[in-house]
Amino acid sequence: MHRAFLRGTGHSAQDVRRYPVIGIANSASDLSPCNAGLAHLVDDVKQGVREAGGLPLAFPTISISEPFTRPTSLYLRNLMSMDIEEMISTAPIDGVVLLGGCDKTVPAQIMGAVSANKPAVMLVAGPRPVSCHRDNPELTVDDAWPLCDARRAGTVDDDEWGELEANLNTGVGTCNVLGTAASMAAVAEVLGFALPGSSFQDATSPSRTEIARATGQAAVAAARDGRTPRERITLAALENAFRTVTALGGSTNTVIHLEAIAGRAGHRIGIDRFDDWSRTTAYLANVRPGGTHTLPALAAIGGVPRVMHEIRADLHLAERTALGTTWARALDGVATTDPGDVLFARPEPGSLRVLRGNLAPAGALVKLAGVRSDVLLRHRGRVIVFDGIEDLNARIDDPGLDVDASSILVLRGLGPVGAPGMPEVGHLPIPAKLHRAGVTDMVRISDARMSGTSTGMVVLHVAPEAAVGGPLAYLRDGDEVEIDVAAGTLRHLVDEDELLARTPVPVRSGPARGFGRLHADHVLQADEGCDFDFLQDPLVAEPSEHQAPAALP
């Protein structure tokens, strides 16, 4: 019956007897400019599958768009992972090629593939081209943030604003800096889903079509060899992935996604491991947003494998690539020509750091790549608290806001449960009156996330979040908070008895039906990966109950 139905779609008798059958999970969508170019790569993947003797069958999946999904793309990551898992599990296919790109697409597809556990390889969309704007010959997406601040401060007029709209994105593909999409593409490479060296070539370049064909061929080989996703998700492979992201100066969001991927395979990484791996890994890539070069410059010196070669002494080289070979063998073949200043000559360790303390008992994150002032790495100041994005938007540029450069801006109520979905709004804007006075960075703290394209002294993923009774819910304007990145601490200086006597910020009621209800009832906290509790492998320890501060260490 399978063969008969395929014959009805135009396949020949020889086609329907090809082996293996390779599904192509296509997340292309007009509502996802990052993934839109994947539609043009399907035929190249099919060609590669056919050249290797297999039968390619493409199918659509949910598509998540970082710029267009509300309240946030992370809200739909777990839903997409369920879609991927069920489509792979229920279809009569022997393996799958995952076509993704935008931030939450790649982790969702890996999570679903690990749960389905059929042979899987991945083709990422690739970054969009670097463009230009007025006197900036290398305009990338991270340039938008300072220009937005300048617009709010009144120094960018209507004409330039309109030009920026036309210039910022001049083609399909993912963000063209080391943001979340590029970081997760690197993770896919290191974990053995995407082909070595495939992450950073432009979305519309000839090399991307060549990679698509090679990916189709690799999928056939993986299916014939019986190489399954779950066997690739070891603690050693997860360590390799995070150390590589740290060396790249990648996105804080990768911590959430790696923890969720680990949970699908029965592992728990935990903040202690993340902290140790970060503190002992050199930050190498002088690439935007934390550095000065563009992704094409990193691709030109060898991309992810070149960076891995530089830190190979810290990696587990017996782990496997998407081609089935060891990373030891893959890195032996990496060209080590002079990288110039694309790699830092004197790298410092720890581009991502974990913070803990009485304000974040289950941890928080700070991205050091791109922090412009070392003074802020150890800071004590009085907080100004914003309850949700509406409150932030209403007051942040108020001339009467009682704020100075030493203040600490706090945004709460925007974690996995509270938002819902933990949107990328933790990168609070500098108040307009301070921006006009020349302030370009200040300490900001939130239970939300931020875009991987953002920089600055921003403490994110504070856990437990305010909406489940975390200490953040008890802060008030004027309270003092102390941060010490070197010591790894984040503390409020409020007397404990006084704090516990306060009433926490009210929590708005959650959705009563549908996916929103499912999300509210089952999403885990940031330190646990924000997956649904029932999707984690049973081998993972039961998640801890998040309680009010009286029960917190």
Protein backbone atom coordinates (compact mmCIF):
# COMPACT_ATOMS: atom_id res chain seq x y z
CA MET A 1 0.00 0.00 0.00
CA HIS A 2 2.84 2.39 0.73
CA ARG A 3 4.32 1.78 -2.70
CA ALA A 4 0.94 2.04 -4.41
CA PHE A 5 0.14 5.42 -2.88
CA LEU A 6 3.58 6.77 -3.78
CA ARG A 7 3.12 5.57 -7.36
CA GLY A 8 0.01 7.76 -7.47
CA THR A 9 2.16 10.83 -6.82
CA GLY A 10 4.35 10.12 -9.86
CA HIS A 11 7.10 7.93 -8.42
CA SER A 12 8.28 5.05 -10.57
CA ALA A 13 8.39 1.39 -9.64
CA GLN A 14 12.15 1.77 -9.18
CA ASP A 15 11.72 4.85 -6.97
CA VAL A 16 9.38 3.21 -4.48
CA ARG A 17 11.82 0.34 -4.02
CA ARG A 18 14.74 2.59 -3.10
CA TYR A 19 16.24 2.17 0.35
CA PRO A 20 16.46 3.88 2.74
CA VAL A 21 13.45 6.19 2.71
CA ILE A 22 14.58 9.61 3.94
CA GLY A 23 12.05 12.13 5.17
CA ILE A 24 12.88 15.81 4.77
CA ALA A 25 11.34 17.89 7.59
CA ASN A 26 10.97 21.32 6.03
CA SER A 27 10.32 24.33 8.29
CA ALA A 28 10.37 26.92 5.48
CA SER A 29 7.65 29.56 5.76
CA ASP A 30 6.78 33.01 4.44
CA LEU A 31 6.34 33.96 8.10
CA SER A 32 9.94 33.03 8.88
CA PRO A 33 12.40 35.06 6.78
CA CYS A 34 15.25 33.19 8.48
CA ASN A 35 13.96 29.85 7.17
CA ALA A 36 12.46 31.02 3.87
CA GLY A 37 15.52 29.98 1.86
CA LEU A 38 15.16 26.37 2.96
CA ALA A 39 12.39 25.88 0.42
CA HIS A 40 14.97 26.28 -2.36
CA LEU A 41 17.30 23.70 -0.78
CA VAL A 42 14.81 20.84 -0.67
CA ASP A 43 15.58 19.78 -4.24
CA ASP A 44 19.32 19.80 -3.52
CA VAL A 45 18.81 17.59 -0.47
CA LYS A 46 16.63 15.26 -2.56
CA GLN A 47 19.34 15.06 -5.20
CA GLY A 48 21.89 14.04 -2.58
CA VAL A 49 19.56 11.37 -1.19
CA ARG A 50 18.95 9.98 -4.67
CA GLU A 51 22.67 10.00 -5.52
CA ALA A 52 23.26 7.85 -2.45
CA GLY A 53 20.49 5.43 -3.46
CA GLY A 54 17.71 6.55 -1.13
CA LEU A 55 14.17 7.78 -1.66
CA PRO A 56 13.57 11.39 -0.46
CA LEU A 57 10.10 12.41 0.72
CA ALA A 58 9.66 15.99 1.97
CA PHE A 59 7.00 17.03 4.47
CA PRO A 60 6.13 20.35 6.17
CA THR A 61 6.35 21.08 9.88
CA ILE A 62 5.56 23.94 12.21
CA SER A 63 7.76 26.94 11.50
CA ILE A 64 8.84 29.31 14.27
CA SER A 65 9.91 32.87 13.52
CA GLU A 66 11.94 34.83 16.06
CA PRO A 67 10.80 38.28 14.83
CA PHE A 68 7.14 37.42 14.22
CA THR A 69 6.08 34.94 16.92
CA ARG A 70 4.29 36.37 19.94
CA PRO A 71 4.71 36.37 22.85
CA THR A 72 8.04 34.70 22.02
CA SER A 73 9.43 31.98 19.82
CA LEU A 74 10.51 29.89 22.85
CA TYR A 75 6.83 29.54 23.68
CA LEU A 76 6.46 27.30 20.60
CA ARG A 77 9.78 25.40 20.76
CA ASN A 78 8.35 22.46 22.69
CA LEU A 79 5.28 22.31 20.44
CA MET A 80 7.53 22.12 17.39
CA SER A 81 9.59 19.40 19.03
CA MET A 82 6.40 17.38 19.54
CA ASP A 83 5.44 17.94 15.90
CA ILE A 84 8.87 16.72 14.76
CA GLU A 85 8.81 13.71 17.07
CA GLU A 86 5.37 12.56 15.92
CA MET A 87 6.02 13.15 12.22
CA ILE A 88 9.25 11.14 12.37
CA SER A 89 7.81 8.41 14.59
CA THR A 90 4.58 7.81 12.72
CA ALA A 91 5.83 8.03 9.13
CA PRO A 92 7.28 4.99 7.30
CA ILE A 93 10.71 6.57 6.93
CA ASP A 94 14.12 5.16 7.83
CA GLY A 95 15.81 8.48 8.54
CA VAL A 96 15.28 12.21 8.30
CA VAL A 97 16.94 15.43 7.20
CA LEU A 98 15.98 18.35 9.46
CA LEU A 99 15.78 21.70 7.66
CA GLY A 100 15.89 24.56 10.16
CA GLY A 101 17.60 27.80 10.95
CA CYS A 102 15.80 30.36 13.10
CA ASP A 103 16.70 30.40 16.78
CA LYS A 104 14.24 27.91 18.29
CA THR A 105 13.84 25.76 15.17
CA VAL A 106 17.19 24.00 15.49
CA PRO A 107 16.83 22.97 19.16
CA ALA A 108 13.20 21.99 18.60
CA GLN A 109 14.17 19.72 15.71
CA ILE A 110 17.05 18.15 17.63
CA MET A 111 14.85 17.59 20.69
CA GLY A 112 12.14 15.94 18.59
CA ALA A 113 14.66 13.84 16.68
CA VAL A 114 16.28 12.60 19.89
CA SER A 115 12.88 11.58 21.26
CA ALA A 116 11.88 9.84 18.00
CA ASN A 117 15.38 8.32 17.74
CA LYS A 118 15.50 7.55 14.04
CA PRO A 119 18.72 8.42 12.15
CA ALA A 120 18.76 12.19 11.60
CA VAL A 121 21.04 14.81 10.09
CA MET A 122 20.49 18.55 9.86
CA LEU A 123 20.85 21.30 7.29
CA VAL A 124 20.74 24.80 8.77
CA ALA A 125 19.58 27.77 6.74
CA GLY A 126 22.82 29.75 7.01
CA PRO A 127 23.15 33.48 7.75
CA ARG A 128 21.80 36.26 5.59
CA PRO A 129 24.30 38.48 3.73
CA VAL A 130 26.12 41.31 5.48
CA SER A 131 24.81 44.64 4.17
CA CYS A 132 25.71 48.34 4.58
CA HIS A 133 24.14 51.54 5.84
CA ARG A 134 25.40 55.09 5.31
CA ASP A 135 28.95 55.15 6.71
CA ASN A 136 28.77 51.55 7.98
CA PRO A 137 30.19 49.21 5.30
CA GLU A 138 29.39 46.06 7.31
CA LEU A 139 25.86 46.40 8.67
CA THR A 140 24.77 43.38 10.71
CA VAL A 141 21.67 42.78 12.80
CA ASP A 142 23.33 43.74 16.09
CA ASP A 143 23.73 47.28 14.75
CA ALA A 144 19.97 47.64 15.17
CA TRP A 145 20.13 47.91 18.97
CA PRO A 146 22.29 51.06 19.29
CA LEU A 147 20.38 52.61 16.40
CA CYS A 148 17.11 51.91 18.23
CA ASP A 149 18.53 53.63 21.33
CA ALA A 150 19.62 56.56 19.18
CA ARG A 151 16.14 56.75 17.65
CA ARG A 152 14.56 56.89 21.12
CA ALA A 153 17.02 59.59 22.13
CA GLY A 154 16.08 61.62 19.05
CA THR A 155 19.39 61.43 17.16
CA VAL A 156 18.15 59.23 14.27
CA ASP A 157 15.62 61.04 12.10
CA ASP A 158 12.76 59.66 9.99
CA ASP A 159 14.82 59.51 6.80
CA GLU A 160 17.60 57.42 8.34
CA TRP A 161 15.05 55.23 10.10
CA GLY A 162 13.43 54.45 6.76
CA GLU A 163 16.81 53.71 5.18
CA LEU A 164 17.67 51.34 8.01
CA GLU A 165 14.45 49.42 7.40
CA ALA A 166 15.57 48.76 3.84
CA ASN A 167 19.21 48.08 4.64
CA LEU A 168 19.19 45.90 7.76
CA ASN A 169 18.20 42.62 6.08
CA THR A 170 19.01 42.28 2.39
CA GLY A 171 18.29 38.58 1.97
CA VAL A 172 16.87 35.46 3.57
CA GLY A 173 18.75 33.57 6.24
CA THR A 174 19.46 33.72 9.94
CA CYS A 175 21.03 36.57 11.89
CA ASN A 176 24.47 37.32 10.49
CA VAL A 177 26.36 37.48 13.80
CA LEU A 178 27.11 34.98 16.56
CA GLY A 179 23.58 35.17 17.91
CA THR A 180 21.38 32.27 18.91
CA ALA A 181 20.84 30.91 15.39
CA ALA A 182 24.57 30.77 14.63
CA SER A 183 25.30 29.38 18.11
CA MET A 184 22.73 26.60 17.69
CA ALA A 185 24.05 25.84 14.21
CA ALA A 186 27.44 25.31 15.85
CA VAL A 187 25.82 23.09 18.49
CA ALA A 188 24.24 21.00 15.72
CA GLU A 189 27.69 20.55 14.16
CA VAL A 190 29.40 19.57 17.38
CA LEU A 191 26.65 17.15 18.44
CA GLY A 192 26.97 15.33 15.13
CA PHE A 193 23.75 16.45 13.44
CA ALA A 194 25.08 18.96 10.89
CA LEU A 195 28.09 18.38 8.65
CA PRO A 196 31.42 19.70 9.92
CA GLY A 197 32.06 23.21 8.65
CA SER A 198 28.48 23.77 7.49
CA SER A 199 27.24 26.47 9.87
CA PHE A 200 28.36 29.86 8.62
CA GLN A 201 28.21 29.91 4.80
CA ASP A 202 25.65 32.44 3.54
CA ALA A 203 22.10 31.19 3.07
CA THR A 204 22.09 31.87 -0.68
CA SER A 205 25.70 30.99 -1.48
CA PRO A 206 26.68 28.18 -3.88
CA SER A 207 28.37 26.41 -0.96
CA ARG A 208 25.00 26.15 0.82
CA THR A 209 23.56 24.14 -2.10
CA GLU A 210 26.62 21.88 -2.07
CA ILE A 211 26.16 21.33 1.66
CA ALA A 212 22.50 20.47 1.01
CA ARG A 213 23.44 17.70 -1.43
CA ALA A 214 26.10 16.36 0.92
CA THR A 215 23.57 16.39 3.77
CA GLY A 216 21.18 14.25 1.75
CA GLN A 217 23.99 11.77 1.12
CA ALA A 218 24.94 11.77 4.80
CA ALA A 219 21.35 11.00 5.79
CA VAL A 220 21.37 7.88 3.65
CA ALA A 221 24.65 6.75 5.21
CA ALA A 222 23.34 7.41 8.72
CA ALA A 223 20.20 5.37 8.05
CA ARG A 224 22.15 2.47 6.57
CA ASP A 225 24.58 2.49 9.48
CA GLY A 226 21.77 2.75 12.04
CA ARG A 227 23.29 5.83 13.73
CA THR A 228 20.59 7.24 15.99
CA PRO A 229 20.36 10.70 17.61
CA ARG A 230 20.15 9.46 21.18
CA GLU A 231 23.52 7.75 21.02
CA ARG A 232 25.10 11.09 20.10
CA ILE A 233 23.71 12.97 23.11
CA THR A 234 26.28 12.04 25.72
CA LEU A 235 27.55 14.29 28.48
CA ALA A 236 30.88 14.34 26.66
CA ALA A 237 29.22 15.60 23.44
CA LEU A 238 27.19 18.18 25.36
CA GLU A 239 30.38 19.41 27.01
CA ASN A 240 32.03 19.71 23.59
CA ALA A 241 29.07 21.72 22.34
CA PHE A 242 29.02 24.16 25.23
CA ARG A 243 32.78 24.64 25.27
CA THR A 244 32.61 25.45 21.55
CA VAL A 245 29.82 27.99 22.12
CA THR A 246 31.89 29.54 24.91
CA ALA A 247 34.93 29.73 22.62
CA LEU A 248 32.76 31.40 19.98
CA GLY A 249 31.33 33.92 22.44
CA GLY A 250 27.87 32.60 21.58
CA SER A 251 24.38 33.13 22.91
CA THR A 252 23.11 32.65 26.47
CA ASN A 253 20.09 30.89 24.96
CA THR A 254 22.22 27.85 24.16
CA VAL A 255 22.31 26.98 27.87
CA ILE A 256 18.52 26.53 27.92
CA HIS A 257 18.51 24.52 24.69
CA LEU A 258 21.41 22.25 25.64
CA GLU A 259 19.73 21.42 28.95
CA ALA A 260 16.51 20.58 27.13
CA ILE A 261 18.33 18.43 24.55
CA ALA A 262 20.17 16.65 27.35
CA GLY A 263 16.89 15.90 29.10
CA ARG A 264 15.49 14.18 26.03
CA ALA A 265 18.38 11.70 26.22
CA GLY A 266 18.21 11.10 29.96
CA HIS A 267 20.91 13.54 31.09
CA ARG A 268 20.96 16.60 33.31
CA ILE A 269 23.84 19.05 32.82
CA GLY A 270 23.17 21.43 35.70
CA ILE A 271 24.54 24.91 36.35
CA ASP A 272 27.63 23.61 38.15
CA ARG A 273 28.84 21.86 34.99
CA PHE A 274 28.02 24.85 32.79
CA ASP A 275 29.95 27.08 35.17
CA ASP A 276 32.99 24.81 35.22
CA TRP A 277 33.03 24.35 31.44
CA SER A 278 32.78 28.08 30.84
CA ARG A 279 35.45 29.10 33.34
CA THR A 280 37.93 26.67 31.78
CA THR A 281 37.31 27.48 28.10
CA ALA A 282 39.04 30.31 26.23
CA TYR A 283 36.86 32.88 24.46
CA LEU A 284 38.48 32.93 21.01
CA ALA A 285 36.27 34.31 18.25
CA ASN A 286 36.66 38.02 17.61
CA VAL A 287 33.30 38.04 15.86
CA ARG A 288 30.25 40.22 16.32
CA PRO A 289 28.33 40.96 18.45
CA GLY A 290 31.07 40.50 21.06
CA GLY A 291 33.97 41.13 18.66
CA THR A 292 34.66 43.11 15.52
CA HIS A 293 34.60 40.67 12.57
CA THR A 294 31.66 39.20 10.66
CA LEU A 295 30.58 35.57 10.24
CA PRO A 296 32.03 35.33 6.70
CA ALA A 297 35.46 36.09 8.21
CA LEU A 298 35.02 33.21 10.65
CA ALA A 299 33.82 30.91 7.89
CA ALA A 300 36.88 31.85 5.82
CA ILE A 301 39.31 30.57 8.46
CA GLY A 302 37.45 27.28 8.91
CA GLY A 303 34.39 28.01 11.01
CA VAL A 304 33.40 25.70 13.85
CA PRO A 305 36.06 23.02 13.21
CA ARG A 306 38.82 25.66 13.31
CA VAL A 307 37.62 26.93 16.68
CA MET A 308 37.31 23.36 17.95
CA HIS A 309 40.87 22.69 16.77
CA GLU A 310 42.08 25.58 18.92
CA ILE A 311 40.47 24.11 22.07
CA ARG A 312 40.90 20.44 21.19
CA ALA A 313 42.83 19.75 24.40
CA ASP A 314 39.59 20.50 26.29
CA LEU A 315 37.34 18.36 24.08
CA HIS A 316 36.30 14.71 24.02
CA LEU A 317 37.56 13.80 20.57
CA ALA A 318 36.12 10.28 20.45
CA GLU A 319 32.65 11.80 19.97
CA ARG A 320 31.24 11.51 16.44
CA THR A 321 30.53 13.94 13.61
CA ALA A 322 27.51 13.79 11.31
CA LEU A 323 29.66 11.73 8.94
CA GLY A 324 30.15 9.06 11.60
CA THR A 325 33.87 9.78 12.00
CA THR A 326 35.46 10.90 15.25
CA TRP A 327 36.14 14.53 15.95
CA ALA A 328 39.79 13.59 16.41
CA ARG A 329 39.95 12.54 12.78
CA ALA A 330 37.93 15.55 11.61
CA LEU A 331 40.12 18.05 13.44
CA ASP A 332 43.31 16.42 12.19
CA GLY A 333 42.29 17.59 8.72
CA VAL A 334 41.61 21.22 9.69
CA ALA A 335 43.81 23.79 7.96
CA THR A 336 45.57 25.99 10.50
CA THR A 337 46.56 28.98 8.40
CA ASP A 338 47.12 32.29 10.19
CA PRO A 339 43.67 33.48 11.36
CA GLY A 340 44.82 37.06 11.72
CA ASP A 341 42.80 38.83 14.38
CA VAL A 342 39.62 36.83 13.68
CA LEU A 343 40.73 34.81 16.71
CA PHE A 344 41.90 36.67 19.79
CA ALA A 345 45.67 36.47 20.35
CA ARG A 346 45.30 36.49 24.16
CA PRO A 347 41.91 34.97 24.91
CA GLU A 348 40.29 35.16 28.32
CA PRO A 349 38.23 32.26 29.70
CA GLY A 350 34.49 32.28 30.20
CA SER A 351 32.44 34.25 27.67
CA LEU A 352 29.33 32.96 29.48
CA ARG A 353 29.18 32.90 33.27
CA VAL A 354 26.80 31.41 35.83
CA LEU A 355 25.80 33.52 38.84
CA ARG A 356 24.16 32.29 42.03
CA GLY A 357 23.02 33.76 45.33
CA ASN A 358 19.94 34.70 47.31
CA LEU A 359 18.47 36.54 44.30
CA ALA A 360 18.99 33.55 41.98
CA PRO A 361 19.08 30.33 44.06
CA ALA A 362 18.80 28.19 40.91
CA GLY A 363 21.19 30.35 38.92
CA ALA A 364 21.37 33.16 36.40
CA LEU A 365 23.54 33.88 33.36
CA VAL A 366 25.64 36.75 32.13
CA LYS A 367 27.31 37.00 28.73
CA LEU A 368 30.72 38.63 29.11
CA ALA A 369 31.35 38.78 25.36
CA GLY A 370 30.41 42.33 24.55
CA VAL A 371 30.36 43.83 28.05
CA ARG A 372 31.92 47.24 27.44
CA SER A 373 32.89 48.22 30.98
CA ASP A 374 34.84 46.04 33.39
CA VAL A 375 33.65 48.29 36.22
CA LEU A 376 30.17 46.74 35.95
CA LEU A 377 31.47 43.22 36.54
CA ARG A 378 31.54 44.00 40.24
CA HIS A 379 28.80 46.42 41.12
CA ARG A 380 26.43 47.42 43.90
CA GLY A 381 23.46 49.61 43.24
CA ARG A 382 19.84 50.44 43.98
CA VAL A 383 17.23 48.78 41.81
CA ILE A 384 14.42 50.20 39.72
CA VAL A 385 11.86 47.45 39.23
CA PHE A 386 9.64 47.08 36.17
CA ASP A 387 6.72 44.67 36.33
CA GLY A 388 6.35 43.39 32.80
CA ILE A 389 7.02 44.85 29.39
CA GLU A 390 4.09 47.28 29.49
CA ASP A 391 5.43 48.88 32.66
CA LEU A 392 8.90 49.04 31.13
CA ASN A 393 7.68 50.73 27.96
CA ALA A 394 5.55 53.19 29.92
CA ARG A 395 8.33 54.41 32.25
CA ILE A 396 11.81 53.72 30.86
CA ASP A 397 12.04 57.06 29.00
CA ASP A 398 10.09 59.12 31.50
CA PRO A 399 12.23 62.23 32.24
CA GLY A 400 11.14 61.95 35.86
CA LEU A 401 12.44 58.39 36.31
CA ASP A 402 14.71 58.35 39.37
CA VAL A 403 17.68 56.70 37.66
CA ASP A 404 21.39 57.30 37.23
CA ALA A 405 24.28 55.32 35.75
CA SER A 406 24.80 53.39 39.00
CA SER A 407 21.19 52.18 39.13
CA ILE A 408 20.31 48.56 38.42
CA LEU A 409 17.32 48.02 36.14
CA VAL A 410 15.19 44.97 37.01
CA LEU A 411 12.53 43.49 34.73
CA ARG A 412 10.46 40.67 36.19
CA GLY A 413 7.38 38.58 35.44
CA LEU A 414 8.73 37.44 32.07
CA GLY A 415 10.07 33.96 32.77
CA PRO A 416 8.84 30.67 31.29
CA VAL A 417 5.53 30.75 33.21
CA GLY A 418 5.07 34.48 33.72
CA ALA A 419 5.33 35.77 30.15
CA PRO A 420 4.55 33.00 29.10
CA GLY A 421 7.57 31.63 27.25
CA MET A 422 10.43 33.81 28.50
CA PRO A 423 10.68 36.44 25.73
CA GLU A 424 13.90 38.15 24.64
CA VAL A 425 13.30 41.40 26.49
CA GLY A 426 15.94 41.11 29.24
CA HIS A 427 18.20 43.49 27.34
CA LEU A 428 16.49 46.53 28.84
CA PRO A 429 17.14 49.75 26.92
CA ILE A 430 19.25 52.45 28.49
CA PRO A 431 16.86 55.21 29.69
CA ALA A 432 16.79 57.94 27.06
CA LYS A 433 18.02 60.68 29.41
CA LEU A 434 21.06 58.56 30.35
CA HIS A 435 21.72 57.66 26.72
CA ARG A 436 21.75 61.36 25.83
CA ALA A 437 24.25 61.86 28.67
CA GLY A 438 26.59 59.29 27.14
CA VAL A 439 25.74 56.18 29.20
CA THR A 440 26.06 53.12 26.94
CA ASP A 441 25.88 50.26 29.45
CA MET A 442 24.52 49.58 32.93
CA VAL A 443 23.58 46.53 35.01
CA ARG A 444 20.24 44.97 34.07
CA ILE A 445 18.65 41.92 35.70
CA SER A 446 15.69 39.86 34.49
CA ASP A 447 13.99 36.47 34.56
CA ALA A 448 13.58 36.88 30.77
CA ARG A 449 16.06 36.08 27.98
CA MET A 450 17.79 38.36 25.49
CA SER A 451 18.62 38.05 21.83
CA GLY A 452 21.96 36.45 21.08
CA THR A 453 22.65 39.54 18.98
CA SER A 454 22.58 41.73 22.10
CA THR A 455 25.47 42.80 24.31
CA GLY A 456 25.96 44.65 27.57
CA MET A 457 25.98 43.94 31.29
CA VAL A 458 22.74 41.97 31.39
CA VAL A 459 21.95 39.25 33.95
CA LEU A 460 19.39 36.84 32.53
CA HIS A 461 17.42 33.65 33.25
CA VAL A 462 17.11 34.44 36.96
CA ALA A 463 15.66 31.28 38.48
CA PRO A 464 13.26 30.61 40.00
CA GLU A 465 11.33 33.29 38.13
CA ALA A 466 9.10 35.84 39.82
CA ALA A 467 5.89 34.17 38.63
CA VAL A 468 6.58 31.01 40.66
CA GLY A 469 7.62 32.86 43.82
CA GLY A 470 11.32 33.38 43.21
CA PRO A 471 13.11 36.08 45.22
CA LEU A 472 12.84 38.48 42.28
CA ALA A 473 9.10 38.73 43.08
CA TYR A 474 9.90 40.38 46.44
CA LEU A 475 12.21 43.19 45.32
CA ARG A 476 11.14 46.81 45.61
CA ASP A 477 12.47 50.06 44.18
CA GLY A 478 15.47 51.24 46.18
CA ASP A 479 16.59 47.80 47.37
CA GLU A 480 20.30 47.22 46.97
CA VAL A 481 21.65 44.39 44.82
CA GLU A 482 25.26 43.28 44.47
CA ILE A 483 26.83 41.44 41.56
CA ASP A 484 30.32 39.96 41.45
CA VAL A 485 31.03 38.08 38.23
CA ALA A 486 34.47 36.85 39.29
CA ALA A 487 32.96 35.32 42.45
CA GLY A 488 29.90 34.13 40.54
CA THR A 489 27.43 35.79 42.91
CA LEU A 490 24.16 37.71 42.58
CA ARG A 491 22.70 38.88 45.90
CA HIS A 492 20.07 41.23 47.22
CA LEU A 493 21.04 43.05 50.41
CA VAL A 494 17.57 43.16 51.94
CA ASP A 495 17.18 41.79 55.45
CA GLU A 496 15.74 38.29 55.09
CA ASP A 497 12.96 38.84 57.63
CA GLU A 498 11.94 42.05 55.91
CA LEU A 499 11.94 40.33 52.51
CA LEU A 500 9.75 37.47 53.71
CA ALA A 501 7.29 39.90 55.30
CA ARG A 502 6.59 41.47 51.91
CA THR A 503 3.82 40.47 49.56
CA PRO A 504 5.21 39.20 46.26
CA VAL A 505 4.26 40.89 43.02
CA PRO A 506 0.83 39.64 41.88
CA VAL A 507 0.86 36.96 39.18
CA ARG A 508 -1.67 37.24 36.39
CA SER A 509 -3.83 34.19 35.77
CA GLY A 510 -2.67 31.77 33.10
CA PRO A 511 -4.51 30.56 29.99
CA ALA A 512 -7.57 28.42 30.59
CA ARG A 513 -7.34 26.22 27.51
CA GLY A 514 -5.31 24.94 24.58
CA PHE A 515 -1.56 24.95 24.22
CA GLY A 516 -1.28 27.90 26.59
CA ARG A 517 -2.77 25.83 29.38
CA LEU A 518 -0.46 22.91 28.56
CA HIS A 519 2.52 25.26 28.63
CA ALA A 520 1.59 26.86 31.93
CA ASP A 521 1.00 23.51 33.63
CA HIS A 522 4.12 21.70 32.43
CA VAL A 523 6.96 24.07 31.44
CA LEU A 524 10.15 23.73 33.47
CA GLN A 525 12.27 26.59 34.76
CA ALA A 526 15.23 28.11 32.91
CA ASP A 527 17.83 26.07 34.80
CA GLU A 528 15.98 22.92 33.71
CA GLY A 529 15.81 23.85 30.01
CA CYS A 530 12.20 25.12 29.76
CA ASP A 531 11.11 21.79 28.27
CA PHE A 532 7.80 20.21 29.29
CA ASP A 533 8.22 17.88 32.24
CA PHE A 534 6.45 15.00 30.47
CA LEU A 535 8.77 15.20 27.43
CA GLN A 536 11.95 14.61 29.41
CA ASP A 537 13.41 11.12 29.43
CA PRO A 538 12.40 9.23 32.60
CA LEU A 539 16.07 8.86 33.53
CA VAL A 540 16.23 12.58 34.30
CA ALA A 541 15.79 13.35 37.98
CA GLU A 542 12.41 14.76 38.94
CA PRO A 543 12.48 18.58 38.71
CA SER A 544 12.67 20.38 42.01
CA GLU A 545 9.64 22.21 43.36
CA HIS A 546 10.13 25.96 43.13
CA GLN A 547 8.91 27.52 46.34
CA ALA A 548 8.70 30.93 47.93
CA PRO A 549 11.93 32.34 49.37
CA ALA A 550 11.21 30.96 52.86
CA ALA A 551 12.21 27.53 51.59
CA LEU A 552 15.04 28.62 49.35
CA PRO A 553 18.73 28.43 50.32
